[in-house]
Amino acid sequence: MPAKLNLPAKISIRDPRIAMRAIIGVLLAANLAAAIAAFRPFGGSAEDLRREQQALEARLAQSQKRLAASKLLVQKVQKARSEEDAFLNKYFTDAGSNGAMILTELNQAAKDAGIKMGQATFSTEAIEGSDTLQELTTQVGFEGTYANFCKFVNLLDKSPRFMIIENMQAAAPQQQNGQALNVTLKIDTFVRGSV
């Protein structure tokens, strides 16, 4: 037969035994809280804090490397832009004056090479992917000897303008015994702006 517990019908706080038990319970709870804080601090242990600091320092080093790489990339982009501007200014002309400049340069090179320049025709075409550049194609005929044409092509190659000989057609008229050639050149140049 189980023993019957006799609980007092009324618990009084003024009872010294209950007050002591309450005080001991509060002290026990405070000791447990202090032990938890001592063995497992809320901010982490010293070792945890060291590991976290090392991880943060590693992230900082990686971020600084990425920043340095980004700065280097920005410098390269700025250099490329300035070199692009210098290239465009040196080798490309404005649309308004390009036809006359090409004719003047071709005429001067033909005179220097000893060949005769014929009629020239121009056509323009937009360059895909560019809003500011266009391709100017010049088709012009020349008459002269083979040696003179070699000199002419060499002069065009050394020209300060960016000219591309796209096509060259040569024919020897029969009445001149093959001494003179008739050559038609198709030359591409590039211009800034709209023609």
Foldseek 3Di string as FASTA:
>chain_A
DDDDDDDDPDDDCPPVVNVVVVVVVVVVVVVVVVVCCVVANPVGDPVVVVVVVVVVVVVVVVVVVVVVVVVVVVVVVVVVVVVVVVVCVFAAAAPVCVVVVVVVLLCVLLVVLVKAKADKDWDWDCDPPDPWKIKIKIKIKIKAAPSSVVSSVVSVVVDSYDKDFPDKDWDADVVVVRGMIIIITIIIGMYTHDD
